[in-house]
Amino acid sequence: MRTRSLLLAGTLALFAISAAHAGKVGSNCTYKGKKLYGKIQVVNSFPDIKVQVVNSFPDLKVQVVNSFPDKCGKWQMVNSFPNTKIQFVNSFPDIKIQYVTSFPGRVK
């Protein structure tokens, strides 16, 4: 019985830690220390962040720009020297994004 209680407590603690980090954008527009604005490179392996594109309930609204990606959610797509590397996934993302043409940033 005690082993079962400890296992349950450990599982709940692990779930709480995962839920606290899953799909959350920090107030400084970062995810686990990686900026969610600036120069972004799409990669197929070893990403900093796994991203899923959605049409509703995003964690971050993203506007793709050609210059001045200096505000939360403004991404300039590059092939080299990125601030952050992302990988697009269909399931188990770190964050969910929605592309917009104006008003990028965190969803509160």
N, C-alpha and C. Protein backbone atom coordinates (compact mmCIF):
# COMPACT_ATOMS: atom_id res chain seq x y z
N MET A 1 0.82 -1.18 0.00
CA MET A 1 0.00 0.00 0.00
C MET A 1 0.87 1.26 0.00
N ARG A 2 1.94 1.24 0.81
CA ARG A 2 2.83 2.41 0.89
C ARG A 2 3.52 2.66 -0.46
N THR A 3 3.97 1.58 -1.11
CA THR A 3 4.63 1.71 -2.40
C THR A 3 3.68 2.32 -3.43
N ARG A 4 2.44 1.90 -3.38
CA ARG A 4 1.43 2.42 -4.30
C ARG A 4 1.21 3.92 -4.06
N SER A 5 1.17 4.33 -2.80
CA SER A 5 0.99 5.75 -2.46
C SER A 5 2.17 6.58 -2.93
N LEU A 6 3.38 6.06 -2.75
CA LEU A 6 4.57 6.77 -3.19
C LEU A 6 4.62 6.88 -4.71
N LEU A 7 4.22 5.82 -5.39
CA LEU A 7 4.18 5.84 -6.85
C LEU A 7 3.17 6.87 -7.34
N LEU A 8 2.01 6.91 -6.72
CA LEU A 8 0.98 7.87 -7.09
C LEU A 8 1.46 9.29 -6.83
N ALA A 9 2.08 9.53 -5.69
CA ALA A 9 2.58 10.86 -5.35
C ALA A 9 3.66 11.30 -6.34
N GLY A 10 4.55 10.40 -6.69
CA GLY A 10 5.59 10.71 -7.66
C GLY A 10 5.03 11.02 -9.03
N THR A 11 4.04 10.25 -9.44
CA THR A 11 3.39 10.47 -10.73
C THR A 11 2.69 11.82 -10.76
N LEU A 12 1.99 12.16 -9.70
CA LEU A 12 1.30 13.45 -9.62
C LEU A 12 2.29 14.61 -9.64
N ALA A 13 3.39 14.47 -8.93
CA ALA A 13 4.41 15.52 -8.92
C ALA A 13 5.01 15.70 -10.31
N LEU A 14 5.30 14.61 -11.00
CA LEU A 14 5.84 14.67 -12.35
C LEU A 14 4.84 15.32 -13.30
N PHE A 15 3.58 14.97 -13.16
CA PHE A 15 2.54 15.57 -14.00
C PHE A 15 2.43 17.06 -13.74
N ALA A 16 2.51 17.49 -12.49
CA ALA A 16 2.42 18.90 -12.14
C ALA A 16 3.57 19.69 -12.74
N ILE A 17 4.78 19.11 -12.70
CA ILE A 17 5.94 19.77 -13.28
C ILE A 17 5.77 19.87 -14.79
N SER A 18 5.34 18.81 -15.44
CA SER A 18 5.14 18.82 -16.89
C SER A 18 4.06 19.81 -17.29
N ALA A 19 2.96 19.85 -16.54
CA ALA A 19 1.87 20.76 -16.86
C ALA A 19 2.29 22.21 -16.70
N ALA A 20 3.17 22.47 -15.75
CA ALA A 20 3.62 23.84 -15.52
C ALA A 20 4.45 24.35 -16.69
N HIS A 21 5.15 23.46 -17.40
CA HIS A 21 6.00 23.89 -18.51
C HIS A 21 5.37 23.68 -19.87
N ALA A 22 4.40 22.81 -19.97
CA ALA A 22 3.82 22.47 -21.26
C ALA A 22 2.98 23.62 -21.80
N GLY A 23 3.36 24.10 -22.98
CA GLY A 23 2.55 25.10 -23.66
C GLY A 23 2.51 26.45 -22.98
N LYS A 24 3.49 26.80 -22.20
CA LYS A 24 3.48 28.07 -21.48
C LYS A 24 4.54 29.00 -22.03
N VAL A 25 4.15 30.24 -22.28
CA VAL A 25 5.06 31.28 -22.72
C VAL A 25 5.29 32.22 -21.55
N GLY A 26 6.55 32.42 -21.19
CA GLY A 26 6.89 33.27 -20.06
C GLY A 26 6.54 34.73 -20.31
N SER A 27 6.44 35.49 -19.24
CA SER A 27 6.09 36.90 -19.34
C SER A 27 7.15 37.69 -20.11
N ASN A 28 8.37 37.16 -20.17
CA ASN A 28 9.43 37.80 -20.95
C ASN A 28 9.52 37.24 -22.37
N CYS A 29 8.47 36.56 -22.80
CA CYS A 29 8.34 35.99 -24.15
C CYS A 29 9.43 34.96 -24.44
N THR A 30 9.60 34.04 -23.50
CA THR A 30 10.54 32.94 -23.67
C THR A 30 9.87 31.62 -23.32
N TYR A 31 10.47 30.55 -23.79
CA TYR A 31 10.08 29.21 -23.38
C TYR A 31 11.36 28.50 -22.99
N LYS A 32 11.48 28.14 -21.73
CA LYS A 32 12.68 27.50 -21.19
C LYS A 32 13.94 28.26 -21.57
N GLY A 33 13.87 29.58 -21.48
CA GLY A 33 15.04 30.42 -21.73
C GLY A 33 15.28 30.78 -23.18
N LYS A 34 14.51 30.22 -24.10
CA LYS A 34 14.68 30.52 -25.53
C LYS A 34 13.70 31.60 -25.95
N LYS A 35 14.21 32.62 -26.66
CA LYS A 35 13.38 33.73 -27.10
C LYS A 35 12.34 33.28 -28.12
N LEU A 36 11.14 33.83 -27.97
CA LEU A 36 10.05 33.55 -28.92
C LEU A 36 9.82 34.75 -29.83
N TYR A 37 10.90 35.42 -30.15
CA TYR A 37 10.92 36.50 -31.13
C TYR A 37 12.35 36.57 -31.66
N GLY A 38 12.51 37.24 -32.78
CA GLY A 38 13.85 37.33 -33.35
C GLY A 38 14.00 36.44 -34.57
N LYS A 39 15.22 36.01 -34.79
CA LYS A 39 15.54 35.20 -35.97
C LYS A 39 15.29 33.73 -35.64
N ILE A 40 14.42 33.11 -36.44
CA ILE A 40 13.95 31.74 -36.20
C ILE A 40 14.36 30.87 -37.38
N GLN A 41 14.93 29.70 -37.06
CA GLN A 41 15.31 28.73 -38.10
C GLN A 41 14.50 27.46 -37.90
N VAL A 42 13.90 26.97 -38.96
CA VAL A 42 13.17 25.70 -38.92
C VAL A 42 14.16 24.58 -39.18
N VAL A 43 14.17 23.59 -38.28
CA VAL A 43 15.08 22.44 -38.41
C VAL A 43 14.27 21.15 -38.33
N ASN A 44 14.89 20.06 -38.78
CA ASN A 44 14.23 18.75 -38.73
C ASN A 44 14.66 17.93 -37.51
N SER A 45 15.75 18.33 -36.88
CA SER A 45 16.21 17.60 -35.70
C SER A 45 16.94 18.56 -34.76
N PHE A 46 16.99 18.19 -33.52
CA PHE A 46 17.63 18.96 -32.46
C PHE A 46 17.11 20.40 -32.35
N PRO A 47 15.78 20.57 -32.25
CA PRO A 47 15.24 21.93 -32.10
C PRO A 47 15.40 22.42 -30.65
N ASP A 48 15.32 23.72 -30.50
CA ASP A 48 15.21 24.30 -29.16
C ASP A 48 13.78 24.14 -28.65
N ILE A 49 12.82 24.28 -29.57
CA ILE A 49 11.40 24.25 -29.22
C ILE A 49 10.63 23.49 -30.29
N LYS A 50 9.71 22.64 -29.87
CA LYS A 50 8.79 21.95 -30.79
C LYS A 50 7.51 22.77 -30.85
N VAL A 51 7.07 23.08 -32.08
CA VAL A 51 5.96 24.00 -32.31
C VAL A 51 4.87 23.33 -33.12
N GLN A 52 3.62 23.56 -32.71
CA GLN A 52 2.47 23.10 -33.48
C GLN A 52 1.67 24.32 -33.91
N VAL A 53 1.32 24.38 -35.18
CA VAL A 53 0.50 25.46 -35.71
C VAL A 53 -0.97 25.09 -35.51
N VAL A 54 -1.73 26.00 -34.89
CA VAL A 54 -3.15 25.76 -34.63
C VAL A 54 -3.97 26.94 -35.12
N ASN A 55 -5.28 26.74 -35.23
CA ASN A 55 -6.18 27.81 -35.63
C ASN A 55 -6.89 28.46 -34.45
N SER A 56 -6.85 27.79 -33.30
CA SER A 56 -7.48 28.35 -32.12
C SER A 56 -6.73 27.92 -30.86
N PHE A 57 -6.87 28.70 -29.82
CA PHE A 57 -6.25 28.45 -28.52
C PHE A 57 -4.73 28.31 -28.59
N PRO A 58 -4.05 29.28 -29.22
CA PRO A 58 -2.58 29.22 -29.26
C PRO A 58 -1.98 29.71 -27.94
N ASP A 59 -0.72 29.39 -27.73
CA ASP A 59 0.04 29.95 -26.62
C ASP A 59 0.68 31.27 -27.05
N LEU A 60 0.93 31.39 -28.37
CA LEU A 60 1.61 32.56 -28.92
C LEU A 60 1.06 32.87 -30.31
N LYS A 61 0.80 34.16 -30.54
CA LYS A 61 0.40 34.59 -31.88
C LYS A 61 1.67 35.10 -32.57
N VAL A 62 1.93 34.58 -33.78
CA VAL A 62 3.18 34.85 -34.49
C VAL A 62 2.92 35.63 -35.77
N GLN A 63 3.69 36.70 -35.94
CA GLN A 63 3.68 37.46 -37.19
C GLN A 63 5.06 37.30 -37.83
N VAL A 64 5.09 36.78 -39.05
CA VAL A 64 6.35 36.63 -39.77
C VAL A 64 6.68 37.98 -40.41
N VAL A 65 7.89 38.48 -40.13
CA VAL A 65 8.31 39.79 -40.64
C VAL A 65 9.62 39.63 -41.40
N ASN A 66 9.93 40.63 -42.24
CA ASN A 66 11.18 40.63 -42.99
C ASN A 66 12.30 41.37 -42.27
N SER A 67 11.92 42.22 -41.31
CA SER A 67 12.93 42.96 -40.56
C SER A 67 12.37 43.37 -39.20
N PHE A 68 13.24 43.74 -38.30
CA PHE A 68 12.90 44.20 -36.96
C PHE A 68 12.04 43.20 -36.17
N PRO A 69 12.52 41.97 -36.01
CA PRO A 69 11.77 41.00 -35.21
C PRO A 69 12.07 41.20 -33.72
N ASP A 70 11.75 42.39 -33.22
CA ASP A 70 12.20 42.79 -31.89
C ASP A 70 11.11 42.81 -30.82
N LYS A 71 9.94 42.29 -31.15
CA LYS A 71 8.84 42.24 -30.18
C LYS A 71 8.31 40.81 -30.09
N CYS A 72 7.69 40.52 -28.98
CA CYS A 72 7.16 39.18 -28.73
C CYS A 72 6.28 38.70 -29.88
N GLY A 73 6.60 37.53 -30.42
CA GLY A 73 5.81 36.93 -31.49
C GLY A 73 6.21 37.35 -32.88
N LYS A 74 7.15 38.28 -33.03
CA LYS A 74 7.61 38.67 -34.36
C LYS A 74 8.78 37.77 -34.73
N TRP A 75 8.61 37.01 -35.81
CA TRP A 75 9.61 36.04 -36.25
C TRP A 75 10.13 36.42 -37.62
N GLN A 76 11.46 36.46 -37.74
CA GLN A 76 12.10 36.59 -39.04
C GLN A 76 12.72 35.24 -39.35
N MET A 77 12.23 34.59 -40.37
CA MET A 77 12.69 33.25 -40.72
C MET A 77 14.05 33.35 -41.42
N VAL A 78 15.03 32.58 -40.92
CA VAL A 78 16.39 32.60 -41.45
C VAL A 78 16.90 31.18 -41.69
N ASN A 79 17.96 31.07 -42.48
CA ASN A 79 18.58 29.77 -42.74
C ASN A 79 19.87 29.58 -41.94
N SER A 80 20.36 30.65 -41.32
CA SER A 80 21.57 30.54 -40.53
C SER A 80 21.59 31.61 -39.45
N PHE A 81 22.39 31.38 -38.43
CA PHE A 81 22.56 32.28 -37.30
C PHE A 81 21.24 32.65 -36.62
N PRO A 82 20.45 31.66 -36.22
CA PRO A 82 19.17 31.96 -35.57
C PRO A 82 19.34 32.28 -34.09
N ASN A 83 18.33 32.96 -33.54
CA ASN A 83 18.22 33.09 -32.08
C ASN A 83 17.65 31.81 -31.50
N THR A 84 16.70 31.23 -32.24
CA THR A 84 16.00 30.03 -31.77
C THR A 84 15.75 29.09 -32.94
N LYS A 85 15.92 27.78 -32.68
CA LYS A 85 15.63 26.75 -33.69
C LYS A 85 14.33 26.07 -33.31
N ILE A 86 13.42 25.94 -34.29
CA ILE A 86 12.13 25.28 -34.04
C ILE A 86 11.95 24.09 -34.97
N GLN A 87 11.11 23.18 -34.52
CA GLN A 87 10.70 22.05 -35.35
C GLN A 87 9.19 22.02 -35.31
N PHE A 88 8.55 21.95 -36.48
CA PHE A 88 7.10 21.84 -36.54
C PHE A 88 6.70 20.39 -36.28
N VAL A 89 5.73 20.19 -35.39
CA VAL A 89 5.25 18.86 -35.05
C VAL A 89 3.72 18.86 -35.10
N ASN A 90 3.14 17.67 -35.22
CA ASN A 90 1.69 17.53 -35.21
C ASN A 90 1.15 17.12 -33.85
N SER A 91 2.03 16.64 -32.99
CA SER A 91 1.59 16.23 -31.66
C SER A 91 2.71 16.45 -30.65
N PHE A 92 2.33 16.57 -29.41
CA PHE A 92 3.25 16.79 -28.29
C PHE A 92 4.16 18.00 -28.47
N PRO A 93 3.57 19.18 -28.78
CA PRO A 93 4.40 20.38 -28.94
C PRO A 93 4.81 20.96 -27.59
N ASP A 94 5.86 21.76 -27.61
CA ASP A 94 6.21 22.55 -26.45
C ASP A 94 5.27 23.76 -26.36
N ILE A 95 5.05 24.40 -27.52
CA ILE A 95 4.11 25.51 -27.58
C ILE A 95 3.26 25.39 -28.84
N LYS A 96 2.09 26.04 -28.80
CA LYS A 96 1.20 26.10 -29.95
C LYS A 96 1.17 27.54 -30.43
N ILE A 97 1.29 27.72 -31.77
CA ILE A 97 1.27 29.06 -32.33
C ILE A 97 0.13 29.21 -33.32
N GLN A 98 -0.26 30.45 -33.52
CA GLN A 98 -1.24 30.80 -34.55
C GLN A 98 -0.63 31.95 -35.33
N TYR A 99 -0.58 31.83 -36.67
CA TYR A 99 -0.06 32.91 -37.49
C TYR A 99 -1.08 34.03 -37.58
N VAL A 100 -0.62 35.28 -37.47
CA VAL A 100 -1.47 36.45 -37.56
C VAL A 100 -0.78 37.48 -38.44
N THR A 101 -1.54 38.46 -38.93
CA THR A 101 -0.96 39.55 -39.73
C THR A 101 -0.78 40.81 -38.90
N SER A 102 -1.34 40.82 -37.70
CA SER A 102 -1.15 41.95 -36.80
C SER A 102 -1.36 41.50 -35.35
N PHE A 103 -0.88 42.29 -34.43
CA PHE A 103 -1.00 42.04 -33.00
C PHE A 103 -0.43 40.68 -32.56
N PRO A 104 0.86 40.45 -32.86
CA PRO A 104 1.49 39.22 -32.38
C PRO A 104 1.76 39.29 -30.89
N GLY A 105 2.05 38.16 -30.27
CA GLY A 105 2.45 38.15 -28.87
C GLY A 105 1.80 37.05 -28.08
N ARG A 106 2.03 37.13 -26.75
CA ARG A 106 1.50 36.13 -25.82
C ARG A 106 -0.02 36.19 -25.79
N VAL A 107 -0.61 35.04 -25.55
CA VAL A 107 -2.05 34.96 -25.33
C VAL A 107 -2.23 34.81 -23.84
N LYS A 108 -2.99 35.69 -23.25
CA LYS A 108 -3.13 35.68 -21.79
C LYS A 108 -4.29 34.90 -21.32
